[in-house]
């Protein structure tokens, strides 16, 4: 077994989680666990939905991937847009009250659930337990997000809560359910797109941690320069969320390595527009706020990408993450 690389300065890495988020299709690059370990990373997470990830991990190639992660001492997590699977859409024809109302007041099949439906919450939590028996993270951290960018409920009761607050209500419920079988479980609250604004009326239960994913920011300039009131996914949103959530457990989910994003989520993939200057500046921005967990999507970094463009900047990414230290302790 090979352990993860230590920081060159000889001290413990400040960033405890140093990871990438991949889809099963990216694992045509079959030595991803070895590459991650040699770059000093700690964690690979699989994406995008429970059904797709389950099919992979139960396949021969998925079993080989998990075995390689054990061999190379790489933690495995599952970062999932989960509600389509936690609340099966087939239930809509049987009980529409489980599902959200849209702005017109109509119950709709698409997107999330009604948080004031006790049966809906029971179904979601029970299914989360069942999925967790198959997709059990090695870290105890569960990422069961809402449907991707979908609005939340606008029924008379739910509409009093923002989308962020509804997402946090669900995370609090999921934590209680998962701890029935995993006493150390922690659950992510995803701050992303319509849930990026910090919740105000709802507080996280101990064990619910922030995952901050500023998908609408710019990557050609440092995030520290994106604090104007009209900036997309302004840095102010991170500070507002860190005022609600514990900074020590918070994770940033970035897109520095996300070839799929820079390719407009269409193949063939483009070459990653990597900027070491932006990346290292961003590490200062996050690290000096006390964030200890950092990961990045690296979707489309697969065998075809390496054939087309050569090696991605994975070693550079991992080395900077492992070596980073604050100028002053936060």
C-alpha atoms as a PDB file:
ATOM      1  CA  UNK A   1       0.000   0.000   0.000  1.00  0.00           C
ATOM      2  CA  UNK A   2       1.164   3.528  -0.790  1.00  0.00           C
ATOM      3  CA  UNK A   3       0.209   6.380   1.501  1.00  0.00           C
ATOM      4  CA  UNK A   4      -0.708   9.865   0.352  1.00  0.00           C
ATOM      5  CA  UNK A   5       2.137  12.293  -0.138  1.00  0.00           C
ATOM      6  CA  UNK A   6       3.020  14.517   2.813  1.00  0.00           C
ATOM      7  CA  UNK A   7       3.508  18.269   2.381  1.00  0.00           C
ATOM      8  CA  UNK A   8       7.024  19.154   1.386  1.00  0.00           C
ATOM      9  CA  UNK A   9       7.491  21.432   4.402  1.00  0.00           C
ATOM     10  CA  UNK A  10       7.129  18.437   6.710  1.00  0.00           C
ATOM     11  CA  UNK A  11       4.068  19.675   8.644  1.00  0.00           C
ATOM     12  CA  UNK A  12       0.593  18.215   8.538  1.00  0.00           C
ATOM     13  CA  UNK A  13      -1.498  19.389   5.568  1.00  0.00           C
ATOM     14  CA  UNK A  14      -3.827  22.207   6.530  1.00  0.00           C
ATOM     15  CA  UNK A  15      -6.460  20.959   4.081  1.00  0.00           C
ATOM     16  CA  UNK A  16      -7.663  17.680   5.548  1.00  0.00           C
ATOM     17  CA  UNK A  17      -9.738  16.726   2.508  1.00  0.00           C
ATOM     18  CA  UNK A  18      -7.942  17.140  -0.817  1.00  0.00           C
ATOM     19  CA  UNK A  19     -10.148  15.604  -3.426  1.00  0.00           C
ATOM     20  CA  UNK A  20     -11.710  15.242  -6.839  1.00  0.00           C
ATOM     21  CA  UNK A  21     -15.269  14.466  -7.925  1.00  0.00           C
ATOM     22  CA  UNK A  22     -15.644  12.118 -10.897  1.00  0.00           C
ATOM     23  CA  UNK A  23     -18.347  10.237 -12.763  1.00  0.00           C
ATOM     24  CA  UNK A  24     -18.081   6.519 -13.577  1.00  0.00           C
ATOM     25  CA  UNK A  25     -17.367   7.431 -17.220  1.00  0.00           C
ATOM     26  CA  UNK A  26     -14.193   9.225 -16.131  1.00  0.00           C
ATOM     27  CA  UNK A  27     -12.822   5.961 -14.793  1.00  0.00           C
ATOM     28  CA  UNK A  28     -11.882   4.827 -18.279  1.00  0.00           C
ATOM     29  CA  UNK A  29      -8.701   6.346 -16.860  1.00  0.00           C
ATOM     30  CA  UNK A  30      -8.388   3.216 -14.767  1.00  0.00           C
ATOM     31  CA  UNK A  31      -5.437   4.318 -12.636  1.00  0.00           C
ATOM     32  CA  UNK A  32      -7.256   7.315 -11.117  1.00  0.00           C
ATOM     33  CA  UNK A  33      -6.746   6.043  -7.516  1.00  0.00           C
ATOM     34  CA  UNK A  34      -2.984   5.712  -8.066  1.00  0.00           C
ATOM     35  CA  UNK A  35      -2.826   9.120  -9.744  1.00  0.00           C
ATOM     36  CA  UNK A  36      -4.728  10.681  -6.851  1.00  0.00           C
ATOM     37  CA  UNK A  37      -2.457   9.092  -4.261  1.00  0.00           C
ATOM     38  CA  UNK A  38       0.731  10.138  -6.036  1.00  0.00           C
ATOM     39  CA  UNK A  39      -0.603  13.704  -6.220  1.00  0.00           C
ATOM     40  CA  UNK A  40      -1.141  13.722  -2.445  1.00  0.00           C
ATOM     41  CA  UNK A  41      -4.938  13.666  -2.647  1.00  0.00           C
ATOM     42  CA  UNK A  42      -7.026  11.996   0.024  1.00  0.00           C
ATOM     43  CA  UNK A  43     -10.425  11.483  -1.560  1.00  0.00           C
ATOM     44  CA  UNK A  44     -12.290  10.548  -4.725  1.00  0.00           C
ATOM     45  CA  UNK A  45     -16.056  11.130  -4.794  1.00  0.00           C
ATOM     46  CA  UNK A  46     -18.407   9.641  -7.365  1.00  0.00           C
ATOM     47  CA  UNK A  47     -21.199  11.597  -9.042  1.00  0.00           C
ATOM     48  CA  UNK A  48     -23.984  12.236 -10.291  1.00  0.00           C
ATOM     49  CA  UNK A  49     -26.972  10.149  -9.012  1.00  0.00           C
ATOM     50  CA  UNK A  50     -27.492   7.128  -6.745  1.00  0.00           C
ATOM     51  CA  UNK A  51     -28.799   4.892  -9.544  1.00  0.00           C
ATOM     52  CA  UNK A  52     -25.887   5.587 -11.893  1.00  0.00           C
ATOM     53  CA  UNK A  53     -23.249   5.266  -9.204  1.00  0.00           C
ATOM     54  CA  UNK A  54     -24.799   2.099  -7.760  1.00  0.00           C
ATOM     55  CA  UNK A  55     -24.725   0.433 -11.186  1.00  0.00           C
ATOM     56  CA  UNK A  56     -21.033   1.256 -11.429  1.00  0.00           C
ATOM     57  CA  UNK A  57     -19.858   0.187  -7.966  1.00  0.00           C
ATOM     58  CA  UNK A  58     -21.669  -3.133  -8.325  1.00  0.00           C
ATOM     59  CA  UNK A  59     -19.997  -3.818 -11.680  1.00  0.00           C
ATOM     60  CA  UNK A  60     -16.669  -5.593 -12.144  1.00  0.00           C
ATOM     61  CA  UNK A  61     -14.926  -2.331 -13.024  1.00  0.00           C
ATOM     62  CA  UNK A  62     -16.508  -0.615 -10.026  1.00  0.00           C
ATOM     63  CA  UNK A  63     -15.321  -3.325  -7.666  1.00  0.00           C
ATOM     64  CA  UNK A  64     -11.810  -2.961  -9.116  1.00  0.00           C
ATOM     65  CA  UNK A  65     -11.957   0.821  -8.590  1.00  0.00           C
ATOM     66  CA  UNK A  66     -12.970   0.443  -4.938  1.00  0.00           C
ATOM     67  CA  UNK A  67     -10.234  -2.131  -4.380  1.00  0.00           C
ATOM     68  CA  UNK A  68      -7.665   0.241  -5.897  1.00  0.00           C
ATOM     69  CA  UNK A  69      -8.866   3.043  -3.625  1.00  0.00           C
ATOM     70  CA  UNK A  70      -8.268   0.777  -0.623  1.00  0.00           C
ATOM     71  CA  UNK A  71      -4.848  -0.180  -1.963  1.00  0.00           C
ATOM     72  CA  UNK A  72      -3.798   3.447  -2.446  1.00  0.00           C
ATOM     73  CA  UNK A  73      -5.414   4.704   0.783  1.00  0.00           C
ATOM     74  CA  UNK A  74      -7.930   6.897  -1.044  1.00  0.00           C
ATOM     75  CA  UNK A  75     -11.193   7.648   0.750  1.00  0.00           C
ATOM     76  CA  UNK A  76     -14.375   7.145  -1.266  1.00  0.00           C
ATOM     77  CA  UNK A  77     -17.409   9.425  -1.053  1.00  0.00           C
ATOM     78  CA  UNK A  78     -20.567   9.845  -3.122  1.00  0.00           C
ATOM     79  CA  UNK A  79     -21.647  13.361  -4.117  1.00  0.00           C
ATOM     80  CA  UNK A  80     -25.131  12.859  -5.482  1.00  0.00           C
ATOM     81  CA  UNK A  81     -28.148  14.726  -6.798  1.00  0.00           C
ATOM     82  CA  UNK A  82     -30.345  12.263  -4.967  1.00  0.00           C
ATOM     83  CA  UNK A  83     -33.963  13.300  -4.633  1.00  0.00           C
ATOM     84  CA  UNK A  84     -35.145  11.750  -7.884  1.00  0.00           C
ATOM     85  CA  UNK A  85     -34.116   8.410  -6.369  1.00  0.00           C
ATOM     86  CA  UNK A  86     -35.021   9.148  -2.741  1.00  0.00           C
ATOM     87  CA  UNK A  87     -38.556  10.174  -3.718  1.00  0.00           C
ATOM     88  CA  UNK A  88     -39.345   8.056  -6.811  1.00  0.00           C
ATOM     89  CA  UNK A  89     -41.306  10.030  -9.379  1.00  0.00           C
ATOM     90  CA  UNK A  90     -43.607   7.050  -9.950  1.00  0.00           C
ATOM     91  CA  UNK A  91     -45.279   7.999  -6.661  1.00  0.00           C
ATOM     92  CA  UNK A  92     -46.721  11.140  -8.264  1.00  0.00           C
ATOM     93  CA  UNK A  93     -49.673   9.257  -9.733  1.00  0.00           C
ATOM     94  CA  UNK A  94     -50.494   7.816  -6.297  1.00  0.00           C
ATOM     95  CA  UNK A  95     -50.049  10.818  -4.008  1.00  0.00           C
ATOM     96  CA  UNK A  96     -49.318  14.250  -5.433  1.00  0.00           C
ATOM     97  CA  UNK A  97     -49.120  15.801  -1.972  1.00  0.00           C
ATOM     98  CA  UNK A  98     -45.623  14.338  -1.635  1.00  0.00           C
ATOM     99  CA  UNK A  99     -44.348  16.645  -4.352  1.00  0.00           C
ATOM    100  CA  UNK A 100     -43.678  20.346  -4.499  1.00  0.00           C
ATOM    101  CA  UNK A 101     -45.996  23.083  -5.651  1.00  0.00           C
ATOM    102  CA  UNK A 102     -44.713  25.449  -8.343  1.00  0.00           C
ATOM    103  CA  UNK A 103     -45.189  29.226  -8.460  1.00  0.00           C
ATOM    104  CA  UNK A 104     -48.699  28.727  -9.861  1.00  0.00           C
ATOM    105  CA  UNK A 105     -49.668  26.540  -6.922  1.00  0.00           C
ATOM    106  CA  UNK A 106     -49.736  23.311  -8.945  1.00  0.00           C
ATOM    107  CA  UNK A 107     -48.272  20.061  -7.682  1.00  0.00           C
ATOM    108  CA  UNK A 108     -45.546  19.090 -10.147  1.00  0.00           C
ATOM    109  CA  UNK A 109     -43.590  15.929 -10.806  1.00  0.00           C
ATOM    110  CA  UNK A 110     -40.225  17.577 -11.421  1.00  0.00           C
ATOM    111  CA  UNK A 111     -37.834  18.635  -8.716  1.00  0.00           C
ATOM    112  CA  UNK A 112     -37.403  17.917  -5.032  1.00  0.00           C
ATOM    113  CA  UNK A 113     -40.388  17.487  -2.680  1.00  0.00           C
ATOM    114  CA  UNK A 114     -42.828  19.192  -0.332  1.00  0.00           C
ATOM    115  CA  UNK A 115     -41.029  19.659   2.999  1.00  0.00           C
ATOM    116  CA  UNK A 116     -44.339  19.894   4.867  1.00  0.00           C
ATOM    117  CA  UNK A 117     -45.420  16.431   3.748  1.00  0.00           C
ATOM    118  CA  UNK A 118     -44.547  14.067   6.589  1.00  0.00           C
ATOM    119  CA  UNK A 119     -45.042  11.005   4.345  1.00  0.00           C
ATOM    120  CA  UNK A 120     -42.626  12.495   1.786  1.00  0.00           C
ATOM    121  CA  UNK A 121     -39.971  13.028   4.456  1.00  0.00           C
ATOM    122  CA  UNK A 122     -40.470   9.495   5.761  1.00  0.00           C
ATOM    123  CA  UNK A 123     -40.063   8.014   2.276  1.00  0.00           C
ATOM    124  CA  UNK A 124     -36.963  10.083   1.563  1.00  0.00           C
ATOM    125  CA  UNK A 125     -35.304   9.206   4.870  1.00  0.00           C
ATOM    126  CA  UNK A 126     -36.094   5.506   4.576  1.00  0.00           C
ATOM    127  CA  UNK A 127     -34.733   5.390   1.047  1.00  0.00           C
ATOM    128  CA  UNK A 128     -31.630   7.297   2.150  1.00  0.00           C
ATOM    129  CA  UNK A 129     -30.976   4.543   4.682  1.00  0.00           C
ATOM    130  CA  UNK A 130     -31.383   1.876   2.011  1.00  0.00           C
ATOM    131  CA  UNK A 131     -29.078   3.661  -0.415  1.00  0.00           C
ATOM    132  CA  UNK A 132     -26.491   4.179   2.325  1.00  0.00           C
ATOM    133  CA  UNK A 133     -26.126   0.417   2.695  1.00  0.00           C
ATOM    134  CA  UNK A 134     -24.854   0.259  -0.882  1.00  0.00           C
ATOM    135  CA  UNK A 135     -23.178   3.652  -1.217  1.00  0.00           C
ATOM    136  CA  UNK A 136     -21.476   3.893   2.176  1.00  0.00           C
ATOM    137  CA  UNK A 137     -18.737   6.560   2.224  1.00  0.00           C
ATOM    138  CA  UNK A 138     -15.518   5.569   3.924  1.00  0.00           C
ATOM    139  CA  UNK A 139     -15.407   8.961   5.660  1.00  0.00           C
ATOM    140  CA  UNK A 140     -18.877   9.004   7.241  1.00  0.00           C
ATOM    141  CA  UNK A 141     -19.750  12.087   5.142  1.00  0.00           C
ATOM    142  CA  UNK A 142     -22.952  11.826   3.087  1.00  0.00           C
ATOM    143  CA  UNK A 143     -23.766  14.078   0.141  1.00  0.00           C
ATOM    144  CA  UNK A 144     -27.462  13.641  -0.721  1.00  0.00           C
ATOM    145  CA  UNK A 145     -28.278  16.828  -2.557  1.00  0.00           C
ATOM    146  CA  UNK A 146     -31.513  18.148  -4.008  1.00  0.00           C
ATOM    147  CA  UNK A 147     -32.255  17.769  -7.700  1.00  0.00           C
ATOM    148  CA  UNK A 148     -29.762  19.676  -9.843  1.00  0.00           C
ATOM    149  CA  UNK A 149     -30.674  23.380  -9.830  1.00  0.00           C
ATOM    150  CA  UNK A 150     -34.372  22.597  -9.379  1.00  0.00           C
ATOM    151  CA  UNK A 151     -36.649  24.940  -7.409  1.00  0.00           C
ATOM    152  CA  UNK A 152     -38.090  23.868  -4.085  1.00  0.00           C
ATOM    153  CA  UNK A 153     -41.686  23.906  -2.901  1.00  0.00           C
ATOM    154  CA  UNK A 154     -44.011  26.915  -3.080  1.00  0.00           C
ATOM    155  CA  UNK A 155     -46.926  25.540  -1.055  1.00  0.00           C
ATOM    156  CA  UNK A 156     -48.329  28.006   1.523  1.00  0.00           C
ATOM    157  CA  UNK A 157     -46.114  26.572   4.298  1.00  0.00           C
ATOM    158  CA  UNK A 158     -42.929  25.849   2.368  1.00  0.00           C
ATOM    159  CA  UNK A 159     -42.908  29.179   0.562  1.00  0.00           C
ATOM    160  CA  UNK A 160     -42.138  30.887   3.864  1.00  0.00           C
ATOM    161  CA  UNK A 161     -38.693  29.252   3.596  1.00  0.00           C
ATOM    162  CA  UNK A 162     -36.069  30.034   0.970  1.00  0.00           C
ATOM    163  CA  UNK A 163     -34.705  27.264  -1.250  1.00  0.00           C
ATOM    164  CA  UNK A 164     -31.579  27.226   0.922  1.00  0.00           C
ATOM    165  CA  UNK A 165     -33.657  26.844   4.073  1.00  0.00           C
ATOM    166  CA  UNK A 166     -35.728  24.030   2.575  1.00  0.00           C
ATOM    167  CA  UNK A 167     -32.540  22.214   1.560  1.00  0.00           C
ATOM    168  CA  UNK A 168     -31.219  22.587   5.110  1.00  0.00           C
ATOM    169  CA  UNK A 169     -34.472  21.281   6.624  1.00  0.00           C
ATOM    170  CA  UNK A 170     -34.020  18.162   4.522  1.00  0.00           C
ATOM    171  CA  UNK A 171     -30.337  17.787   5.487  1.00  0.00           C
ATOM    172  CA  UNK A 172     -31.307  17.956   9.156  1.00  0.00           C
ATOM    173  CA  UNK A 173     -33.872  15.177   8.656  1.00  0.00           C
ATOM    174  CA  UNK A 174     -31.416  13.040   6.683  1.00  0.00           C
ATOM    175  CA  UNK A 175     -28.830  13.336   9.437  1.00  0.00           C
ATOM    176  CA  UNK A 176     -31.229  11.957  12.036  1.00  0.00           C
ATOM    177  CA  UNK A 177     -32.201   9.084   9.757  1.00  0.00           C
ATOM    178  CA  UNK A 178     -28.666   8.090   8.792  1.00  0.00           C
ATOM    179  CA  UNK A 179     -27.481   8.148  12.390  1.00  0.00           C
ATOM    180  CA  UNK A 180     -29.868   5.303  13.156  1.00  0.00           C
ATOM    181  CA  UNK A 181     -27.319   3.022  11.485  1.00  0.00           C
ATOM    182  CA  UNK A 182     -24.163   5.167  11.293  1.00  0.00           C
ATOM    183  CA  UNK A 183     -23.606   7.019  14.551  1.00  0.00           C
ATOM    184  CA  UNK A 184     -20.772   9.076  13.051  1.00  0.00           C
ATOM    185  CA  UNK A 185     -22.705  10.171   9.957  1.00  0.00           C
ATOM    186  CA  UNK A 186     -22.379  13.745   8.769  1.00  0.00           C
ATOM    187  CA  UNK A 187     -24.572  15.261   6.045  1.00  0.00           C
ATOM    188  CA  UNK A 188     -23.728  18.003   3.565  1.00  0.00           C
ATOM    189  CA  UNK A 189     -25.849  21.075   2.970  1.00  0.00           C
ATOM    190  CA  UNK A 190     -25.099  22.079  -0.622  1.00  0.00           C
ATOM    191  CA  UNK A 191     -24.854  25.824  -1.204  1.00  0.00           C
ATOM    192  CA  UNK A 192     -25.101  25.960  -4.990  1.00  0.00           C
ATOM    193  CA  UNK A 193     -27.086  27.880  -7.623  1.00  0.00           C
ATOM    194  CA  UNK A 194     -30.481  28.595  -6.026  1.00  0.00           C
ATOM    195  CA  UNK A 195     -29.343  27.374  -2.588  1.00  0.00           C
ATOM    196  CA  UNK A 196     -26.184  29.512  -2.521  1.00  0.00           C
ATOM    197  CA  UNK A 197     -27.673  32.271  -0.291  1.00  0.00           C
ATOM    198  CA  UNK A 198     -27.124  31.512   3.373  1.00  0.00           C
ATOM    199  CA  UNK A 199     -30.120  30.195   5.325  1.00  0.00           C
ATOM    200  CA  UNK A 200     -31.497  32.533   7.963  1.00  0.00           C
ATOM    201  CA  UNK A 201     -34.577  30.936   9.508  1.00  0.00           C
ATOM    202  CA  UNK A 202     -33.200  27.388   9.811  1.00  0.00           C
ATOM    203  CA  UNK A 203     -30.067  26.320  11.662  1.00  0.00           C
ATOM    204  CA  UNK A 204     -27.962  23.233  10.914  1.00  0.00           C
ATOM    205  CA  UNK A 205     -28.083  20.364  13.358  1.00  0.00           C
ATOM    206  CA  UNK A 206     -24.667  19.364  14.733  1.00  0.00           C
ATOM    207  CA  UNK A 207     -23.299  17.043  12.068  1.00  0.00           C
ATOM    208  CA  UNK A 208     -24.684  18.982   9.096  1.00  0.00           C
ATOM    209  CA  UNK A 209     -21.816  20.718   7.321  1.00  0.00           C
ATOM    210  CA  UNK A 210     -21.582  23.277   4.554  1.00  0.00           C
ATOM    211  CA  UNK A 211     -20.543  22.337   1.032  1.00  0.00           C
ATOM    212  CA  UNK A 212     -20.034  25.520  -0.950  1.00  0.00           C
ATOM    213  CA  UNK A 213     -20.052  25.264  -4.762  1.00  0.00           C
ATOM    214  CA  UNK A 214     -19.876  28.637  -6.567  1.00  0.00           C
ATOM    215  CA  UNK A 215     -20.673  27.397 -10.070  1.00  0.00           C
ATOM    216  CA  UNK A 216     -21.447  30.881 -11.457  1.00  0.00           C
ATOM    217  CA  UNK A 217     -18.177  32.539 -10.400  1.00  0.00           C
ATOM    218  CA  UNK A 218     -15.385  33.405 -12.848  1.00  0.00           C
ATOM    219  CA  UNK A 219     -12.227  31.263 -13.076  1.00  0.00           C
ATOM    220  CA  UNK A 220     -10.058  33.686 -15.059  1.00  0.00           C
ATOM    221  CA  UNK A 221      -9.564  35.930 -12.019  1.00  0.00           C
ATOM    222  CA  UNK A 222      -9.160  35.068  -8.329  1.00  0.00           C
ATOM    223  CA  UNK A 223     -12.299  34.599  -6.304  1.00  0.00           C
ATOM    224  CA  UNK A 224     -11.070  37.248  -3.874  1.00  0.00           C
ATOM    225  CA  UNK A 225     -11.696  39.838  -6.618  1.00  0.00           C
ATOM    226  CA  UNK A 226     -15.319  38.760  -7.074  1.00  0.00           C
ATOM    227  CA  UNK A 227     -16.973  40.568  -4.205  1.00  0.00           C
ATOM    228  CA  UNK A 228     -18.907  43.298  -6.007  1.00  0.00           C
ATOM    229  CA  UNK A 229     -22.676  43.365  -5.289  1.00  0.00           C
ATOM    230  CA  UNK A 230     -23.431  42.377  -8.890  1.00  0.00           C
ATOM    231  CA  UNK A 231     -20.810  39.593  -9.099  1.00  0.00           C
ATOM    232  CA  UNK A 232     -22.221  36.154  -9.830  1.00  0.00           C
ATOM    233  CA  UNK A 233     -21.808  33.881  -6.797  1.00  0.00           C
ATOM    234  CA  UNK A 234     -20.033  36.680  -4.975  1.00  0.00           C
ATOM    235  CA  UNK A 235     -17.522  35.857  -2.255  1.00  0.00           C
ATOM    236  CA  UNK A 236     -19.935  37.542   0.146  1.00  0.00           C
ATOM    237  CA  UNK A 237     -22.151  34.439  -0.156  1.00  0.00           C
ATOM    238  CA  UNK A 238     -19.359  32.286   1.260  1.00  0.00           C
ATOM    239  CA  UNK A 239     -18.873  34.613   4.211  1.00  0.00           C
ATOM    240  CA  UNK A 240     -22.612  34.626   4.875  1.00  0.00           C
ATOM    241  CA  UNK A 241     -22.696  30.820   4.874  1.00  0.00           C
ATOM    242  CA  UNK A 242     -19.647  30.569   7.129  1.00  0.00           C
ATOM    243  CA  UNK A 243     -21.503  32.747   9.621  1.00  0.00           C
ATOM    244  CA  UNK A 244     -24.104  29.943   9.851  1.00  0.00           C
ATOM    245  CA  UNK A 245     -21.970  26.791   9.499  1.00  0.00           C
ATOM    246  CA  UNK A 246     -18.802  25.686  11.298  1.00  0.00           C
ATOM    247  CA  UNK A 247     -15.831  26.673   9.136  1.00  0.00           C
ATOM    248  CA  UNK A 248     -13.787  23.680  10.339  1.00  0.00           C
ATOM    249  CA  UNK A 249     -16.194  21.149   8.829  1.00  0.00           C
ATOM    250  CA  UNK A 250     -17.085  23.240   5.750  1.00  0.00           C
ATOM    251  CA  UNK A 251     -16.048  21.950   2.349  1.00  0.00           C
ATOM    252  CA  UNK A 252     -15.527  23.937  -0.825  1.00  0.00           C
ATOM    253  CA  UNK A 253     -16.536  22.146  -4.023  1.00  0.00           C
ATOM    254  CA  UNK A 254     -14.769  23.968  -6.841  1.00  0.00           C
ATOM    255  CA  UNK A 255     -14.466  23.603 -10.612  1.00  0.00           C
ATOM    256  CA  UNK A 256     -10.761  24.267 -11.251  1.00  0.00           C
ATOM    257  CA  UNK A 257     -10.337  20.797 -12.835  1.00  0.00           C
ATOM    258  CA  UNK A 258     -13.845  20.478 -14.274  1.00  0.00           C
ATOM    259  CA  UNK A 259     -13.276  19.912 -17.975  1.00  0.00           C
ATOM    260  CA  UNK A 260     -17.003  19.234 -18.411  1.00  0.00           C
ATOM    261  CA  UNK A 261     -17.902  22.751 -17.267  1.00  0.00           C
ATOM    262  CA  UNK A 262     -15.351  24.420 -19.546  1.00  0.00           C
ATOM    263  CA  UNK A 263     -16.588  22.190 -22.387  1.00  0.00           C
ATOM    264  CA  UNK A 264     -20.183  23.339 -21.853  1.00  0.00           C
ATOM    265  CA  UNK A 265     -21.004  19.764 -20.763  1.00  0.00           C
ATOM    266  CA  UNK A 266     -20.570  18.594 -24.364  1.00  0.00           C
ATOM    267  CA  UNK A 267     -18.001  16.321 -25.918  1.00  0.00           C
ATOM    268  CA  UNK A 268     -15.437  16.402 -27.410  1.00  0.00           C
ATOM    269  CA  UNK A 269     -13.790  17.954 -24.394  1.00  0.00           C
ATOM    270  CA  UNK A 270     -11.719  21.120 -24.592  1.00  0.00           C
ATOM    271  CA  UNK A 271      -8.322  21.503 -22.951  1.00  0.00           C
ATOM    272  CA  UNK A 272      -8.626  22.592 -19.325  1.00  0.00           C
ATOM    273  CA  UNK A 273      -7.903  26.364 -18.979  1.00  0.00           C
ATOM    274  CA  UNK A 274      -5.787  25.866 -15.847  1.00  0.00           C
ATOM    275  CA  UNK A 275      -4.448  28.943 -14.031  1.00  0.00           C
ATOM    276  CA  UNK A 276      -1.985  28.259 -11.241  1.00  0.00           C
ATOM    277  CA  UNK A 277      -2.165  31.902 -10.132  1.00  0.00           C
ATOM    278  CA  UNK A 278      -5.949  31.839  -9.753  1.00  0.00           C
ATOM    279  CA  UNK A 279      -5.857  28.450  -8.030  1.00  0.00           C
ATOM    280  CA  UNK A 280      -3.248  29.412  -5.435  1.00  0.00           C
ATOM    281  CA  UNK A 281      -4.984  32.718  -4.752  1.00  0.00           C
ATOM    282  CA  UNK A 282      -8.250  30.844  -4.234  1.00  0.00           C
ATOM    283  CA  UNK A 283      -6.566  28.493  -1.755  1.00  0.00           C
ATOM    284  CA  UNK A 284      -5.549  31.569   0.245  1.00  0.00           C
ATOM    285  CA  UNK A 285      -9.116  32.881   0.090  1.00  0.00           C
ATOM    286  CA  UNK A 286     -10.600  29.630   1.353  1.00  0.00           C
ATOM    287  CA  UNK A 287      -7.843  28.582   3.718  1.00  0.00           C
ATOM    288  CA  UNK A 288      -7.599  31.907   5.492  1.00  0.00           C
ATOM    289  CA  UNK A 289     -11.303  31.658   6.272  1.00  0.00           C
ATOM    290  CA  UNK A 290     -10.631  28.413   8.120  1.00  0.00           C
ATOM    291  CA  UNK A 291     -11.931  26.010   5.453  1.00  0.00           C
ATOM    292  CA  UNK A 292     -10.247  22.622   5.896  1.00  0.00           C
ATOM    293  CA  UNK A 293     -11.860  20.553   3.152  1.00  0.00           C
ATOM    294  CA  UNK A 294     -11.307  21.241  -0.550  1.00  0.00           C
ATOM    295  CA  UNK A 295     -12.355  19.271  -3.623  1.00  0.00           C
ATOM    296  CA  UNK A 296     -12.941  19.957  -7.295  1.00  0.00           C
ATOM    297  CA  UNK A 297     -14.996  18.400 -10.022  1.00  0.00           C
ATOM    298  CA  UNK A 298     -12.661  16.748 -12.527  1.00  0.00           C
ATOM    299  CA  UNK A 299     -15.346  15.413 -14.868  1.00  0.00           C
ATOM    300  CA  UNK A 300     -14.189  14.520 -18.416  1.00  0.00           C
ATOM    301  CA  UNK A 301     -10.635  13.942 -17.159  1.00  0.00           C
ATOM    302  CA  UNK A 302     -10.719  10.449 -18.593  1.00  0.00           C
ATOM    303  CA  UNK A 303      -8.656   8.260 -20.905  1.00  0.00           C
ATOM    304  CA  UNK A 304      -9.772  10.207 -23.969  1.00  0.00           C
ATOM    305  CA  UNK A 305      -8.745  13.513 -22.369  1.00  0.00           C
ATOM    306  CA  UNK A 306      -5.224  12.240 -21.614  1.00  0.00           C
ATOM    307  CA  UNK A 307      -4.903  10.895 -25.176  1.00  0.00           C
ATOM    308  CA  UNK A 308      -5.944  14.256 -26.640  1.00  0.00           C
ATOM    309  CA  UNK A 309      -4.181  16.697 -24.340  1.00  0.00           C
ATOM    310  CA  UNK A 310      -1.694  14.854 -22.166  1.00  0.00           C
ATOM    311  CA  UNK A 311      -1.589  14.915 -18.396  1.00  0.00           C
ATOM    312  CA  UNK A 312      -3.949  17.223 -16.487  1.00  0.00           C
ATOM    313  CA  UNK A 313      -2.399  19.437 -13.766  1.00  0.00           C
ATOM    314  CA  UNK A 314      -3.259  16.908 -11.061  1.00  0.00           C
ATOM    315  CA  UNK A 315       0.186  16.850  -9.465  1.00  0.00           C
ATOM    316  CA  UNK A 316       0.267  20.636  -9.303  1.00  0.00           C
ATOM    317  CA  UNK A 317      -3.228  20.671  -7.824  1.00  0.00           C
ATOM    318  CA  UNK A 318      -2.359  18.122  -5.155  1.00  0.00           C
ATOM    319  CA  UNK A 319       1.004  19.625  -4.254  1.00  0.00           C
ATOM    320  CA  UNK A 320      -0.425  23.098  -3.650  1.00  0.00           C
ATOM    321  CA  UNK A 321      -3.258  21.646  -1.576  1.00  0.00           C
ATOM    322  CA  UNK A 322      -0.874  19.587   0.561  1.00  0.00           C
ATOM    323  CA  UNK A 323       1.679  22.364   1.031  1.00  0.00           C
ATOM    324  CA  UNK A 324      -0.649  25.270   1.745  1.00  0.00           C
ATOM    325  CA  UNK A 325      -0.248  26.947   5.110  1.00  0.00           C
ATOM    326  CA  UNK A 326      -1.775  30.224   6.313  1.00  0.00           C
ATOM    327  CA  UNK A 327       0.384  33.242   6.877  1.00  0.00           C
ATOM    328  CA  UNK A 328      -1.536  33.723  10.115  1.00  0.00           C
ATOM    329  CA  UNK A 329      -3.666  31.081  11.825  1.00  0.00           C
ATOM    330  CA  UNK A 330      -7.372  31.925  11.424  1.00  0.00           C
END
